[in-house]
Amino acid sequence: MSQAANLQTIAVRPPHATPRVVGPPVVDAQAFEDQKRAFLRLVSHELRTPLNSILGFSEILAAELYGPLGAPQYKEYAEIIRGSGKKLLGLINQVLEIGRLEGLKMDVRPEPLEPAFEDAIAGLRGEFAACGVRISVIAPPGGYPMAYADPWGLRTVLAHLLRNAAAFSPEGGEVRLRVEVQARFVTICVEDDGEGVEPADLPRLMLPFEQGENALVRRAEGAGLGLTICELTCQAMAGKLKLTSRVGKGTVARVQLRRADAPVAEAAPAA
């Protein structure tokens, strides 16, 4: 072999060279988020279209719109299909809502709390009655303040937290909705009489698809997305969501929002 060939071999493949480690490819975070949202929108459309057909036809069958089905079991089965389809559609909507809320900044405005409380409670009276749980609203001594919030976002957070509190409260228990007023902030508290959880488990409950009970024995239905939606919605309104709990002592969910009618600090007297 010629000397030039030997030099070429040594230059290309040194005898004691350290193997080159190739790291993972660099992924643009924003591009990844855009692809994830696009994927969720596509999957949503592809799932919603057949689901709407399932819901529509099962409702027609359950109502026997075009005549009796024959055996009564058929009507019962149609109701089961419709109910299962509605649950699946609700899950798809929640997953899409999480994708929409990530990184979102809502256009907040001064919002009265009392009408939002009334709207959220009115929409859940049937569920509270079915659970055998009562709800109490404790007004602050000085009246309800105004908070910077999105009207839809505030009612969504209240509905999720109240529904969650009712689901994990014992029959005959009570859910309390109250407000703590500070100089610059308003804290909405939702308290339940449930069994509570270990404080170490609270961060896990904020993750998607997590619930406070073992999946094999839990009483509450749902995929465990409510708290995640609440946290993201609070962040989108420049607020915070915090959970506190103790075993046997129930759970308290606190939503902190900026106060919109905070008193103006008095100017310092001139020297």
C-alpha atoms as a PDB file:
ATOM      1  CA  MET A   1       0.000   0.000   0.000  1.00  0.00           C
ATOM      2  CA  SER A   2       1.376   3.454  -0.886  1.00  0.00           C
ATOM      3  CA  GLN A   3       2.347   6.037   1.714  1.00  0.00           C
ATOM      4  CA  ALA A   4      -0.455   8.352   0.504  1.00  0.00           C
ATOM      5  CA  ALA A   5      -2.998   5.601   1.040  1.00  0.00           C
ATOM      6  CA  ASN A   6      -1.678   4.990   4.555  1.00  0.00           C
ATOM      7  CA  LEU A   7      -1.923   8.698   5.356  1.00  0.00           C
ATOM      8  CA  GLN A   8      -5.478   8.761   4.039  1.00  0.00           C
ATOM      9  CA  THR A   9      -6.408   5.766   6.173  1.00  0.00           C
ATOM     10  CA  ILE A  10      -4.929   7.333   9.281  1.00  0.00           C
ATOM     11  CA  ALA A  11      -6.703  10.636   8.638  1.00  0.00           C
ATOM     12  CA  VAL A  12     -10.094   9.008   8.167  1.00  0.00           C
ATOM     13  CA  ARG A  13      -9.883   6.429  10.925  1.00  0.00           C
ATOM     14  CA  PRO A  14      -7.330   7.151  13.675  1.00  0.00           C
ATOM     15  CA  PRO A  15      -6.468   4.026  15.666  1.00  0.00           C
ATOM     16  CA  HIS A  16      -7.439   5.443  19.081  1.00  0.00           C
ATOM     17  CA  ALA A  17     -10.219   7.877  18.169  1.00  0.00           C
ATOM     18  CA  THR A  18     -13.111   8.292  20.618  1.00  0.00           C
ATOM     19  CA  PRO A  19     -16.418   7.204  19.041  1.00  0.00           C
ATOM     20  CA  ARG A  20     -18.655  10.142  18.232  1.00  0.00           C
ATOM     21  CA  VAL A  21     -21.873  10.217  20.244  1.00  0.00           C
ATOM     22  CA  VAL A  22     -24.823  11.505  18.264  1.00  0.00           C
ATOM     23  CA  GLY A  23     -27.360  13.242  20.510  1.00  0.00           C
ATOM     24  CA  PRO A  24     -31.090  13.499  19.983  1.00  0.00           C
ATOM     25  CA  PRO A  25     -32.211  15.887  17.277  1.00  0.00           C
ATOM     26  CA  VAL A  26     -32.986  19.423  18.374  1.00  0.00           C
ATOM     27  CA  VAL A  27     -36.739  19.985  18.293  1.00  0.00           C
ATOM     28  CA  ASP A  28     -38.249  23.454  18.064  1.00  0.00           C
ATOM     29  CA  ALA A  29     -40.608  23.722  21.052  1.00  0.00           C
ATOM     30  CA  GLN A  30     -43.057  26.059  19.337  1.00  0.00           C
ATOM     31  CA  ALA A  31     -43.171  23.880  16.220  1.00  0.00           C
ATOM     32  CA  PHE A  32     -43.857  20.835  18.376  1.00  0.00           C
ATOM     33  CA  GLU A  33     -46.699  22.616  20.185  1.00  0.00           C
ATOM     34  CA  ASP A  34     -48.180  23.708  16.847  1.00  0.00           C
ATOM     35  CA  GLN A  35     -48.013  20.134  15.535  1.00  0.00           C
ATOM     36  CA  LYS A  36     -49.632  18.813  18.719  1.00  0.00           C
ATOM     37  CA  ARG A  37     -52.531  21.252  18.477  1.00  0.00           C
ATOM     38  CA  ALA A  38     -52.991  20.489  14.787  1.00  0.00           C
ATOM     39  CA  PHE A  39     -53.053  16.776  15.589  1.00  0.00           C
ATOM     40  CA  LEU A  40     -55.663  17.299  18.317  1.00  0.00           C
ATOM     41  CA  ARG A  41     -57.867  19.308  15.945  1.00  0.00           C
ATOM     42  CA  LEU A  42     -57.613  16.602  13.305  1.00  0.00           C
ATOM     43  CA  VAL A  43     -58.377  13.786  15.739  1.00  0.00           C
ATOM     44  CA  SER A  44     -61.249  15.809  17.175  1.00  0.00           C
ATOM     45  CA  HIS A  45     -62.866  16.211  13.779  1.00  0.00           C
ATOM     46  CA  GLU A  46     -62.366  12.567  12.850  1.00  0.00           C
ATOM     47  CA  LEU A  47     -63.900  11.372  16.138  1.00  0.00           C
ATOM     48  CA  ARG A  48     -66.689  13.897  16.434  1.00  0.00           C
ATOM     49  CA  THR A  49     -68.150  13.183  13.013  1.00  0.00           C
ATOM     50  CA  PRO A  50     -68.979   9.491  13.645  1.00  0.00           C
ATOM     51  CA  LEU A  51     -69.898  10.275  17.261  1.00  0.00           C
ATOM     52  CA  ASN A  52     -72.529  12.760  16.151  1.00  0.00           C
ATOM     53  CA  SER A  53     -74.037  10.067  13.923  1.00  0.00           C
ATOM     54  CA  ILE A  54     -74.011   7.556  16.791  1.00  0.00           C
ATOM     55  CA  LEU A  55     -75.666  10.040  19.136  1.00  0.00           C
ATOM     56  CA  GLY A  56     -78.263  11.099  16.578  1.00  0.00           C
ATOM     57  CA  PHE A  57     -79.320   7.610  15.476  1.00  0.00           C
ATOM     58  CA  SER A  58     -79.316   6.214  19.019  1.00  0.00           C
ATOM     59  CA  GLU A  59     -81.591   9.052  20.090  1.00  0.00           C
ATOM     60  CA  ILE A  60     -83.962   8.263  17.196  1.00  0.00           C
ATOM     61  CA  LEU A  61     -83.995   4.588  18.175  1.00  0.00           C
ATOM     62  CA  ALA A  62     -84.522   5.328  21.880  1.00  0.00           C
ATOM     63  CA  ALA A  63     -87.458   7.615  21.056  1.00  0.00           C
ATOM     64  CA  GLU A  64     -88.898   4.987  18.633  1.00  0.00           C
ATOM     65  CA  LEU A  65     -89.424   7.859  16.199  1.00  0.00           C
ATOM     66  CA  TYR A  66     -90.216   5.563  13.248  1.00  0.00           C
ATOM     67  CA  GLY A  67     -92.178   2.973  15.163  1.00  0.00           C
ATOM     68  CA  PRO A  68     -91.717   0.438  17.980  1.00  0.00           C
ATOM     69  CA  LEU A  69     -88.468  -1.518  18.039  1.00  0.00           C
ATOM     70  CA  GLY A  70     -90.056  -4.742  19.249  1.00  0.00           C
ATOM     71  CA  ALA A  71     -88.465  -6.123  22.390  1.00  0.00           C
ATOM     72  CA  PRO A  72     -88.129  -3.487  25.161  1.00  0.00           C
ATOM     73  CA  GLN A  73     -84.447  -4.342  25.546  1.00  0.00           C
ATOM     74  CA  TYR A  74     -83.701  -2.637  22.230  1.00  0.00           C
ATOM     75  CA  LYS A  75     -84.835   0.727  23.565  1.00  0.00           C
ATOM     76  CA  GLU A  76     -82.724   0.208  26.679  1.00  0.00           C
ATOM     77  CA  TYR A  77     -79.683  -0.655  24.566  1.00  0.00           C
ATOM     78  CA  ALA A  78     -80.178   2.466  22.469  1.00  0.00           C
ATOM     79  CA  GLU A  79     -80.183   4.570  25.641  1.00  0.00           C
ATOM     80  CA  ILE A  80     -76.930   2.912  26.761  1.00  0.00           C
ATOM     81  CA  ILE A  81     -75.317   3.641  23.385  1.00  0.00           C
ATOM     82  CA  ARG A  82     -76.415   7.280  23.567  1.00  0.00           C
ATOM     83  CA  GLY A  83     -75.159   7.696  27.128  1.00  0.00           C
ATOM     84  CA  SER A  84     -71.784   6.146  26.314  1.00  0.00           C
ATOM     85  CA  GLY A  85     -71.449   8.343  23.226  1.00  0.00           C
ATOM     86  CA  LYS A  86     -72.129  11.481  25.258  1.00  0.00           C
ATOM     87  CA  LYS A  87     -69.431  10.517  27.776  1.00  0.00           C
ATOM     88  CA  LEU A  88     -66.915   9.908  25.006  1.00  0.00           C
ATOM     89  CA  LEU A  89     -67.790  13.211  23.348  1.00  0.00           C
ATOM     90  CA  GLY A  90     -67.316  14.983  26.666  1.00  0.00           C
ATOM     91  CA  LEU A  91     -63.865  13.391  27.056  1.00  0.00           C
ATOM     92  CA  ILE A  92     -62.852  14.513  23.549  1.00  0.00           C
ATOM     93  CA  ASN A  93     -63.993  18.046  24.300  1.00  0.00           C
ATOM     94  CA  GLN A  94     -61.961  18.103  27.526  1.00  0.00           C
ATOM     95  CA  VAL A  95     -58.804  16.885  25.800  1.00  0.00           C
ATOM     96  CA  LEU A  96     -59.251  19.579  23.154  1.00  0.00           C
ATOM     97  CA  GLU A  97     -59.847  22.185  25.824  1.00  0.00           C
ATOM     98  CA  ILE A  98     -56.522  21.326  27.476  1.00  0.00           C
ATOM     99  CA  GLY A  99     -54.740  21.744  24.152  1.00  0.00           C
ATOM    100  CA  ARG A 100     -56.457  25.087  23.593  1.00  0.00           C
ATOM    101  CA  LEU A 101     -55.658  26.438  27.074  1.00  0.00           C
ATOM    102  CA  GLU A 102     -51.950  25.611  27.095  1.00  0.00           C
ATOM    103  CA  GLY A 103     -50.102  28.903  26.785  1.00  0.00           C
ATOM    104  CA  LEU A 104     -53.345  30.880  26.339  1.00  0.00           C
ATOM    105  CA  LYS A 105     -53.742  34.363  27.831  1.00  0.00           C
ATOM    106  CA  MET A 106     -57.386  35.341  28.273  1.00  0.00           C
ATOM    107  CA  ASP A 107     -58.644  38.882  27.897  1.00  0.00           C
ATOM    108  CA  VAL A 108     -59.793  39.426  31.486  1.00  0.00           C
ATOM    109  CA  ARG A 109     -62.050  42.206  32.703  1.00  0.00           C
ATOM    110  CA  PRO A 110     -63.696  43.214  36.001  1.00  0.00           C
ATOM    111  CA  GLU A 111     -66.217  40.471  36.714  1.00  0.00           C
ATOM    112  CA  PRO A 112     -68.768  40.288  39.560  1.00  0.00           C
ATOM    113  CA  LEU A 113     -68.515  37.052  41.519  1.00  0.00           C
ATOM    114  CA  GLU A 114     -72.089  36.627  42.767  1.00  0.00           C
ATOM    115  CA  PRO A 115     -73.714  36.132  39.318  1.00  0.00           C
ATOM    116  CA  ALA A 116     -70.968  33.647  38.405  1.00  0.00           C
ATOM    117  CA  PHE A 117     -71.677  31.697  41.614  1.00  0.00           C
ATOM    118  CA  GLU A 118     -75.399  31.660  40.859  1.00  0.00           C
ATOM    119  CA  ASP A 119     -74.876  30.453  37.287  1.00  0.00           C
ATOM    120  CA  ALA A 120     -72.496  27.648  38.306  1.00  0.00           C
ATOM    121  CA  ILE A 121     -74.760  26.414  41.109  1.00  0.00           C
ATOM    122  CA  ALA A 122     -77.903  26.562  38.968  1.00  0.00           C
ATOM    123  CA  GLY A 123     -76.307  24.279  36.381  1.00  0.00           C
ATOM    124  CA  LEU A 124     -75.340  21.684  38.998  1.00  0.00           C
ATOM    125  CA  ARG A 125     -78.437  21.456  41.192  1.00  0.00           C
ATOM    126  CA  GLY A 126     -79.479  18.165  39.598  1.00  0.00           C
ATOM    127  CA  GLU A 127     -76.041  16.596  40.137  1.00  0.00           C
ATOM    128  CA  PHE A 128     -75.915  17.762  43.755  1.00  0.00           C
ATOM    129  CA  ALA A 129     -79.382  16.312  44.359  1.00  0.00           C
ATOM    130  CA  ALA A 130     -78.354  12.996  42.772  1.00  0.00           C
ATOM    131  CA  CYS A 131     -75.275  12.829  45.028  1.00  0.00           C
ATOM    132  CA  GLY A 132     -77.287  13.716  48.121  1.00  0.00           C
ATOM    133  CA  VAL A 133     -74.951  16.644  48.806  1.00  0.00           C
ATOM    134  CA  ARG A 134     -76.019  20.162  49.757  1.00  0.00           C
ATOM    135  CA  ILE A 135     -74.182  23.364  48.880  1.00  0.00           C
ATOM    136  CA  SER A 136     -73.753  26.436  51.063  1.00  0.00           C
ATOM    137  CA  VAL A 137     -72.601  29.847  49.858  1.00  0.00           C
ATOM    138  CA  ILE A 138     -70.903  31.989  52.501  1.00  0.00           C
ATOM    139  CA  ALA A 139     -70.866  35.655  51.519  1.00  0.00           C
ATOM    140  CA  PRO A 140     -67.960  37.839  52.689  1.00  0.00           C
ATOM    141  CA  PRO A 141     -68.833  40.388  55.407  1.00  0.00           C
ATOM    142  CA  GLY A 142     -68.268  43.415  53.178  1.00  0.00           C
ATOM    143  CA  GLY A 143     -70.103  42.034  50.161  1.00  0.00           C
ATOM    144  CA  TYR A 144     -68.771  40.379  47.029  1.00  0.00           C
ATOM    145  CA  PRO A 145     -65.791  42.080  45.390  1.00  0.00           C
ATOM    146  CA  MET A 146     -64.993  42.318  41.684  1.00  0.00           C
ATOM    147  CA  ALA A 147     -62.219  40.177  40.229  1.00  0.00           C
ATOM    148  CA  TYR A 148     -60.283  40.307  36.974  1.00  0.00           C
ATOM    149  CA  ALA A 149     -61.532  37.225  35.123  1.00  0.00           C
ATOM    150  CA  ASP A 150     -62.929  35.890  31.899  1.00  0.00           C
ATOM    151  CA  PRO A 151     -66.704  35.326  32.351  1.00  0.00           C
ATOM    152  CA  TRP A 152     -66.667  31.928  30.644  1.00  0.00           C
ATOM    153  CA  GLY A 153     -63.396  30.884  32.277  1.00  0.00           C
ATOM    154  CA  LEU A 154     -64.591  31.786  35.778  1.00  0.00           C
ATOM    155  CA  ARG A 155     -67.817  29.813  35.396  1.00  0.00           C
ATOM    156  CA  THR A 156     -65.915  26.846  33.939  1.00  0.00           C
ATOM    157  CA  VAL A 157     -63.545  26.737  36.917  1.00  0.00           C
ATOM    158  CA  LEU A 158     -66.412  27.021  39.403  1.00  0.00           C
ATOM    159  CA  ALA A 159     -68.404  24.261  37.694  1.00  0.00           C
ATOM    160  CA  HIS A 160     -65.449  21.851  37.626  1.00  0.00           C
ATOM    161  CA  LEU A 161     -64.487  22.486  41.265  1.00  0.00           C
ATOM    162  CA  LEU A 162     -68.054  22.237  42.561  1.00  0.00           C
ATOM    163  CA  ARG A 163     -68.700  19.060  40.553  1.00  0.00           C
ATOM    164  CA  ASN A 164     -65.467  17.534  41.827  1.00  0.00           C
ATOM    165  CA  ALA A 165     -66.299  18.447  45.438  1.00  0.00           C
ATOM    166  CA  ALA A 166     -69.778  16.918  45.164  1.00  0.00           C
ATOM    167  CA  ALA A 167     -68.447  13.720  43.579  1.00  0.00           C
ATOM    168  CA  PHE A 168     -66.019  13.056  46.418  1.00  0.00           C
ATOM    169  CA  SER A 169     -68.315  14.127  49.264  1.00  0.00           C
ATOM    170  CA  PRO A 170     -70.257  11.506  51.239  1.00  0.00           C
ATOM    171  CA  GLU A 171     -74.017  11.314  50.897  1.00  0.00           C
ATOM    172  CA  GLY A 172     -75.507  13.901  53.212  1.00  0.00           C
ATOM    173  CA  GLY A 173     -72.304  15.948  53.102  1.00  0.00           C
ATOM    174  CA  GLU A 174     -71.890  19.631  52.390  1.00  0.00           C
ATOM    175  CA  VAL A 175     -69.887  21.663  49.872  1.00  0.00           C
ATOM    176  CA  ARG A 176     -69.070  25.207  50.954  1.00  0.00           C
ATOM    177  CA  LEU A 177     -68.366  28.054  48.551  1.00  0.00           C
ATOM    178  CA  ARG A 178     -66.851  31.146  50.153  1.00  0.00           C
ATOM    179  CA  VAL A 179     -64.678  34.140  49.306  1.00  0.00           C
ATOM    180  CA  GLU A 180     -61.599  35.505  51.055  1.00  0.00           C
ATOM    181  CA  VAL A 181     -60.919  39.169  50.287  1.00  0.00           C
ATOM    182  CA  GLN A 182     -57.401  40.596  50.469  1.00  0.00           C
ATOM    183  CA  ALA A 183     -56.101  44.029  49.537  1.00  0.00           C
ATOM    184  CA  ARG A 184     -55.012  43.052  46.012  1.00  0.00           C
ATOM    185  CA  PHE A 185     -56.467  39.589  45.523  1.00  0.00           C
ATOM    186  CA  VAL A 186     -59.701  37.626  45.770  1.00  0.00           C
ATOM    187  CA  THR A 187     -59.587  33.962  46.772  1.00  0.00           C
ATOM    188  CA  ILE A 188     -62.539  31.709  45.945  1.00  0.00           C
ATOM    189  CA  CYS A 189     -62.631  28.621  48.183  1.00  0.00           C
ATOM    190  CA  VAL A 190     -64.504  25.381  47.461  1.00  0.00           C
ATOM    191  CA  GLU A 191     -64.507  23.057  50.474  1.00  0.00           C
ATOM    192  CA  ASP A 192     -65.866  19.502  50.734  1.00  0.00           C
ATOM    193  CA  ASP A 193     -66.443  16.932  53.476  1.00  0.00           C
ATOM    194  CA  GLY A 194     -64.774  14.092  51.582  1.00  0.00           C
ATOM    195  CA  GLU A 195     -62.158  11.671  52.813  1.00  0.00           C
ATOM    196  CA  GLY A 196     -59.330  13.913  51.650  1.00  0.00           C
ATOM    197  CA  VAL A 197     -55.948  12.798  50.360  1.00  0.00           C
ATOM    198  CA  GLU A 198     -52.371  12.782  51.533  1.00  0.00           C
ATOM    199  CA  PRO A 199     -50.685  16.170  50.961  1.00  0.00           C
ATOM    200  CA  ALA A 200     -47.937  14.385  49.016  1.00  0.00           C
ATOM    201  CA  ASP A 201     -50.536  13.216  46.469  1.00  0.00           C
ATOM    202  CA  LEU A 202     -51.829  16.720  45.657  1.00  0.00           C
ATOM    203  CA  PRO A 203     -49.313  17.493  42.854  1.00  0.00           C
ATOM    204  CA  ARG A 204     -50.297  14.218  41.152  1.00  0.00           C
ATOM    205  CA  LEU A 205     -53.967  15.220  41.152  1.00  0.00           C
ATOM    206  CA  MET A 206     -53.146  18.249  39.011  1.00  0.00           C
ATOM    207  CA  LEU A 207     -51.875  15.988  36.227  1.00  0.00           C
ATOM    208  CA  PRO A 208     -54.220  14.843  33.423  1.00  0.00           C
ATOM    209  CA  PHE A 209     -56.078  11.536  33.881  1.00  0.00           C
ATOM    210  CA  GLU A 210     -55.479  11.419  37.642  1.00  0.00           C
ATOM    211  CA  GLN A 211     -58.089  11.069  40.390  1.00  0.00           C
ATOM    212  CA  GLY A 212     -58.002  10.931  44.147  1.00  0.00           C
ATOM    213  CA  GLU A 213     -59.079   7.317  44.430  1.00  0.00           C
ATOM    214  CA  ASN A 214     -57.760   4.117  42.984  1.00  0.00           C
ATOM    215  CA  ALA A 215     -59.166   3.612  39.497  1.00  0.00           C
ATOM    216  CA  LEU A 216     -60.559   0.207  40.498  1.00  0.00           C
ATOM    217  CA  VAL A 217     -62.577   1.442  43.464  1.00  0.00           C
ATOM    218  CA  ARG A 218     -63.321   5.108  42.806  1.00  0.00           C
ATOM    219  CA  ARG A 219     -66.922   6.281  42.918  1.00  0.00           C
ATOM    220  CA  ALA A 220     -66.591   9.354  40.724  1.00  0.00           C
ATOM    221  CA  GLU A 221     -66.882   9.101  36.974  1.00  0.00           C
ATOM    222  CA  GLY A 222     -64.689  11.004  34.563  1.00  0.00           C
ATOM    223  CA  ALA A 223     -61.188  10.886  33.179  1.00  0.00           C
ATOM    224  CA  GLY A 224     -59.572  13.131  35.771  1.00  0.00           C
ATOM    225  CA  LEU A 225     -59.144  16.166  33.499  1.00  0.00           C
ATOM    226  CA  GLY A 226     -61.212  18.678  35.475  1.00  0.00           C
ATOM    227  CA  LEU A 227     -58.434  19.923  37.774  1.00  0.00           C
ATOM    228  CA  THR A 228     -56.009  20.228  34.864  1.00  0.00           C
ATOM    229  CA  ILE A 229     -58.541  22.375  32.970  1.00  0.00           C
ATOM    230  CA  CYS A 230     -59.098  24.468  36.115  1.00  0.00           C
ATOM    231  CA  GLU A 231     -55.388  25.079  36.629  1.00  0.00           C
ATOM    232  CA  LEU A 232     -54.793  26.040  32.985  1.00  0.00           C
ATOM    233  CA  THR A 233     -57.850  28.315  32.976  1.00  0.00           C
ATOM    234  CA  CYS A 234     -56.681  30.056  36.165  1.00  0.00           C
ATOM    235  CA  GLN A 235     -53.244  30.586  34.633  1.00  0.00           C
ATOM    236  CA  ALA A 236     -54.858  31.983  31.470  1.00  0.00           C
ATOM    237  CA  MET A 237     -56.653  34.533  33.697  1.00  0.00           C
ATOM    238  CA  ALA A 238     -53.346  35.434  35.457  1.00  0.00           C
ATOM    239  CA  GLY A 239     -54.572  33.575  38.538  1.00  0.00           C
ATOM    240  CA  LYS A 240     -53.589  30.538  40.564  1.00  0.00           C
ATOM    241  CA  LEU A 241     -55.193  27.296  41.728  1.00  0.00           C
ATOM    242  CA  LYS A 242     -54.037  25.665  44.961  1.00  0.00           C
ATOM    243  CA  LEU A 243     -55.272  22.500  46.685  1.00  0.00           C
ATOM    244  CA  THR A 244     -54.959  21.667  50.369  1.00  0.00           C
ATOM    245  CA  SER A 245     -56.141  18.430  51.932  1.00  0.00           C
ATOM    246  CA  ARG A 246     -55.728  16.064  54.846  1.00  0.00           C
ATOM    247  CA  VAL A 247     -56.923  12.497  55.157  1.00  0.00           C
ATOM    248  CA  GLY A 248     -60.283  12.504  56.912  1.00  0.00           C
ATOM    249  CA  LYS A 249     -60.571  16.286  56.752  1.00  0.00           C
ATOM    250  CA  GLY A 250     -61.742  16.931  53.188  1.00  0.00           C
ATOM    251  CA  THR A 251     -60.188  19.057  50.469  1.00  0.00           C
ATOM    252  CA  VAL A 252     -60.111  22.803  49.841  1.00  0.00           C
ATOM    253  CA  ALA A 253     -59.564  24.245  46.353  1.00  0.00           C
ATOM    254  CA  ARG A 254     -58.489  27.905  46.317  1.00  0.00           C
ATOM    255  CA  VAL A 255     -58.687  30.067  43.192  1.00  0.00           C
ATOM    256  CA  GLN A 256     -56.736  33.313  43.555  1.00  0.00           C
ATOM    257  CA  LEU A 257     -57.569  36.154  41.156  1.00  0.00           C
ATOM    258  CA  ARG A 258     -56.561  39.787  41.033  1.00  0.00           C
ATOM    259  CA  ARG A 259     -59.031  42.101  42.723  1.00  0.00           C
ATOM    260  CA  ALA A 260     -60.630  44.578  40.319  1.00  0.00           C
ATOM    261  CA  ASP A 261     -62.033  46.969  42.936  1.00  0.00           C
ATOM    262  CA  ALA A 262     -59.003  47.119  45.213  1.00  0.00           C
ATOM    263  CA  PRO A 263     -58.953  50.276  47.324  1.00  0.00           C
ATOM    264  CA  VAL A 264     -56.474  52.905  46.202  1.00  0.00           C
ATOM    265  CA  ALA A 265     -53.688  53.430  48.716  1.00  0.00           C
ATOM    266  CA  GLU A 266     -53.768  56.802  50.415  1.00  0.00           C
ATOM    267  CA  ALA A 267     -51.029  59.199  49.431  1.00  0.00           C
ATOM    268  CA  ALA A 268     -48.358  59.909  52.040  1.00  0.00           C
ATOM    269  CA  PRO A 269     -48.764  63.297  53.725  1.00  0.00           C
ATOM    270  CA  ALA A 270     -46.418  65.998  52.521  1.00  0.00           C
ATOM    271  CA  ALA A 271     -43.492  66.808  54.798  1.00  0.00           C
END
